[in-house]
């Protein structure tokens, strides 16, 4: 709820809130806020947004278009978080399993 509120989506998660359906520019702004909130919430929520981006049959085009950005423009988790998780899953250090591992640099224009 804190993340939703931080991104201007608090009205959608308040208990008992009565909502109208955003449309036009309001929907576009809501879509951007939702994408940013999902990114902020972490990997599982980014994956949820990626799955929702494939549901043009259920969601408005403006929302799907914004969530589609999570397919190619989501921020990757930092290597400092990824490396220990891989090593734990392997049960040993990465360099004992792979000859070399070099994290891919971020594409131009992504921070």
C-alpha atoms as a PDB file:
ATOM      1  CA  UNK A   1       0.000   0.000   0.000  1.00  0.00           C
ATOM      2  CA  UNK A   2       2.897   2.321   0.719  1.00  0.00           C
ATOM      3  CA  UNK A   3       4.329   1.786  -2.752  1.00  0.00           C
ATOM      4  CA  UNK A   4       0.915   2.339  -4.348  1.00  0.00           C
ATOM      5  CA  UNK A   5       0.443   5.556  -2.372  1.00  0.00           C
ATOM      6  CA  UNK A   6       3.942   6.755  -3.261  1.00  0.00           C
ATOM      7  CA  UNK A   7       3.038   6.453  -6.937  1.00  0.00           C
ATOM      8  CA  UNK A   8      -0.355   8.128  -6.634  1.00  0.00           C
ATOM      9  CA  UNK A   9      -2.376   4.915  -6.634  1.00  0.00           C
ATOM     10  CA  UNK A  10      -3.525   5.058  -3.018  1.00  0.00           C
ATOM     11  CA  UNK A  11      -7.125   5.721  -4.028  1.00  0.00           C
ATOM     12  CA  UNK A  12      -7.222   2.299  -5.696  1.00  0.00           C
ATOM     13  CA  UNK A  13      -6.205   0.363  -2.585  1.00  0.00           C
ATOM     14  CA  UNK A  14      -8.169   2.119   0.176  1.00  0.00           C
ATOM     15  CA  UNK A  15     -10.793  -0.043   1.831  1.00  0.00           C
ATOM     16  CA  UNK A  16     -14.290   0.914   0.776  1.00  0.00           C
ATOM     17  CA  UNK A  17     -13.111   3.366  -1.878  1.00  0.00           C
ATOM     18  CA  UNK A  18     -15.596   4.013  -4.677  1.00  0.00           C
ATOM     19  CA  UNK A  19     -13.801   4.507  -7.927  1.00  0.00           C
ATOM     20  CA  UNK A  20     -14.734   5.704 -11.334  1.00  0.00           C
ATOM     21  CA  UNK A  21     -12.876   4.263 -14.294  1.00  0.00           C
ATOM     22  CA  UNK A  22     -10.019   6.491 -15.421  1.00  0.00           C
ATOM     23  CA  UNK A  23     -10.067   7.318 -19.111  1.00  0.00           C
ATOM     24  CA  UNK A  24      -8.095   9.355 -21.623  1.00  0.00           C
ATOM     25  CA  UNK A  25      -5.148  11.183 -20.108  1.00  0.00           C
ATOM     26  CA  UNK A  26      -6.189   9.999 -16.634  1.00  0.00           C
ATOM     27  CA  UNK A  27      -5.822   6.401 -17.759  1.00  0.00           C
ATOM     28  CA  UNK A  28      -2.426   7.110 -19.322  1.00  0.00           C
ATOM     29  CA  UNK A  29      -1.216   8.716 -16.079  1.00  0.00           C
ATOM     30  CA  UNK A  30      -2.600   5.811 -14.055  1.00  0.00           C
ATOM     31  CA  UNK A  31      -0.877   3.329 -16.373  1.00  0.00           C
ATOM     32  CA  UNK A  32       2.510   5.042 -15.903  1.00  0.00           C
ATOM     33  CA  UNK A  33       1.990   5.137 -12.126  1.00  0.00           C
ATOM     34  CA  UNK A  34       1.085   1.435 -12.099  1.00  0.00           C
ATOM     35  CA  UNK A  35       4.160   0.464 -14.119  1.00  0.00           C
ATOM     36  CA  UNK A  36       6.420   2.463 -11.817  1.00  0.00           C
ATOM     37  CA  UNK A  37       4.779   0.986  -8.715  1.00  0.00           C
ATOM     38  CA  UNK A  38       5.231  -2.557 -10.036  1.00  0.00           C
ATOM     39  CA  UNK A  39       8.911  -1.846 -10.747  1.00  0.00           C
ATOM     40  CA  UNK A  40       9.318  -0.385  -7.278  1.00  0.00           C
ATOM     41  CA  UNK A  41       7.626  -3.400  -5.667  1.00  0.00           C
ATOM     42  CA  UNK A  42      10.167  -5.865  -7.058  1.00  0.00           C
ATOM     43  CA  UNK A  43      10.719  -8.766  -9.383  1.00  0.00           C
ATOM     44  CA  UNK A  44       7.500 -10.688  -8.662  1.00  0.00           C
ATOM     45  CA  UNK A  45       5.410  -7.602  -9.359  1.00  0.00           C
ATOM     46  CA  UNK A  46       7.340  -6.826 -12.539  1.00  0.00           C
ATOM     47  CA  UNK A  47       6.562 -10.382 -13.676  1.00  0.00           C
ATOM     48  CA  UNK A  48       2.872  -9.798 -12.866  1.00  0.00           C
ATOM     49  CA  UNK A  49       2.945  -6.622 -14.983  1.00  0.00           C
ATOM     50  CA  UNK A  50       4.654  -8.505 -17.812  1.00  0.00           C
ATOM     51  CA  UNK A  51       1.920 -11.132 -17.760  1.00  0.00           C
ATOM     52  CA  UNK A  52      -0.829  -8.495 -17.654  1.00  0.00           C
ATOM     53  CA  UNK A  53       0.761  -6.769 -20.652  1.00  0.00           C
ATOM     54  CA  UNK A  54      -0.222  -9.748 -22.783  1.00  0.00           C
ATOM     55  CA  UNK A  55      -3.932  -9.449 -21.932  1.00  0.00           C
ATOM     56  CA  UNK A  56      -5.289  -6.990 -24.482  1.00  0.00           C
ATOM     57  CA  UNK A  57      -8.550  -8.900 -24.218  1.00  0.00           C
ATOM     58  CA  UNK A  58      -8.950  -7.827 -20.568  1.00  0.00           C
ATOM     59  CA  UNK A  59      -7.236  -4.460 -20.183  1.00  0.00           C
ATOM     60  CA  UNK A  60      -7.478  -1.086 -21.914  1.00  0.00           C
ATOM     61  CA  UNK A  61      -4.895  -0.483 -24.645  1.00  0.00           C
ATOM     62  CA  UNK A  62      -3.263   2.420 -22.772  1.00  0.00           C
ATOM     63  CA  UNK A  63      -2.624   0.190 -19.765  1.00  0.00           C
ATOM     64  CA  UNK A  64      -1.316  -2.706 -21.864  1.00  0.00           C
ATOM     65  CA  UNK A  65       0.945  -0.354 -23.838  1.00  0.00           C
ATOM     66  CA  UNK A  66       2.522   0.968 -20.636  1.00  0.00           C
ATOM     67  CA  UNK A  67       2.886  -2.460 -19.016  1.00  0.00           C
ATOM     68  CA  UNK A  68       4.527  -3.745 -22.213  1.00  0.00           C
ATOM     69  CA  UNK A  69       7.500  -1.554 -21.308  1.00  0.00           C
ATOM     70  CA  UNK A  70       8.171  -4.028 -18.482  1.00  0.00           C
ATOM     71  CA  UNK A  71       9.045  -6.616 -21.150  1.00  0.00           C
ATOM     72  CA  UNK A  72      12.185  -4.796 -22.301  1.00  0.00           C
ATOM     73  CA  UNK A  73      12.706  -1.741 -20.113  1.00  0.00           C
ATOM     74  CA  UNK A  74      12.416  -3.056 -16.544  1.00  0.00           C
ATOM     75  CA  UNK A  75      15.416  -2.319 -14.374  1.00  0.00           C
ATOM     76  CA  UNK A  76      17.492  -5.443 -13.749  1.00  0.00           C
ATOM     77  CA  UNK A  77      18.275  -6.491 -10.208  1.00  0.00           C
ATOM     78  CA  UNK A  78      21.800  -5.486  -9.170  1.00  0.00           C
ATOM     79  CA  UNK A  79      24.496  -8.132  -9.676  1.00  0.00           C
ATOM     80  CA  UNK A  80      25.306  -7.886  -5.955  1.00  0.00           C
ATOM     81  CA  UNK A  81      21.864  -9.398  -5.298  1.00  0.00           C
ATOM     82  CA  UNK A  82      21.857 -11.861  -8.185  1.00  0.00           C
ATOM     83  CA  UNK A  83      25.269 -13.460  -7.662  1.00  0.00           C
ATOM     84  CA  UNK A  84      24.618 -14.756  -4.099  1.00  0.00           C
ATOM     85  CA  UNK A  85      21.227 -16.135  -5.173  1.00  0.00           C
ATOM     86  CA  UNK A  86      22.792 -18.058  -8.077  1.00  0.00           C
ATOM     87  CA  UNK A  87      25.586 -19.378  -5.860  1.00  0.00           C
ATOM     88  CA  UNK A  88      23.046 -20.504  -3.250  1.00  0.00           C
ATOM     89  CA  UNK A  89      20.977 -22.273  -5.910  1.00  0.00           C
ATOM     90  CA  UNK A  90      24.096 -23.984  -7.270  1.00  0.00           C
ATOM     91  CA  UNK A  91      25.318 -24.893  -3.820  1.00  0.00           C
ATOM     92  CA  UNK A  92      28.792 -23.544  -4.566  1.00  0.00           C
ATOM     93  CA  UNK A  93      30.540 -20.441  -5.918  1.00  0.00           C
ATOM     94  CA  UNK A  94      29.678 -19.479  -9.474  1.00  0.00           C
ATOM     95  CA  UNK A  95      33.303 -19.631 -10.651  1.00  0.00           C
ATOM     96  CA  UNK A  96      33.413 -23.314  -9.728  1.00  0.00           C
ATOM     97  CA  UNK A  97      30.552 -24.011 -12.140  1.00  0.00           C
ATOM     98  CA  UNK A  98      31.144 -21.551 -14.990  1.00  0.00           C
ATOM     99  CA  UNK A  99      34.374 -20.628 -16.717  1.00  0.00           C
ATOM    100  CA  UNK A 100      33.385 -16.964 -16.730  1.00  0.00           C
ATOM    101  CA  UNK A 101      30.371 -14.875 -15.866  1.00  0.00           C
ATOM    102  CA  UNK A 102      30.171 -11.262 -16.882  1.00  0.00           C
ATOM    103  CA  UNK A 103      27.022  -9.325 -16.062  1.00  0.00           C
ATOM    104  CA  UNK A 104      25.660  -7.689 -19.186  1.00  0.00           C
ATOM    105  CA  UNK A 105      26.089  -3.900 -19.072  1.00  0.00           C
ATOM    106  CA  UNK A 106      22.941  -1.820 -19.133  1.00  0.00           C
ATOM    107  CA  UNK A 107      21.832  -0.757 -22.591  1.00  0.00           C
ATOM    108  CA  UNK A 108      22.343   2.879 -23.563  1.00  0.00           C
ATOM    109  CA  UNK A 109      19.661   5.116 -22.173  1.00  0.00           C
ATOM    110  CA  UNK A 110      18.859   2.870 -19.210  1.00  0.00           C
ATOM    111  CA  UNK A 111      20.034   3.723 -15.750  1.00  0.00           C
END
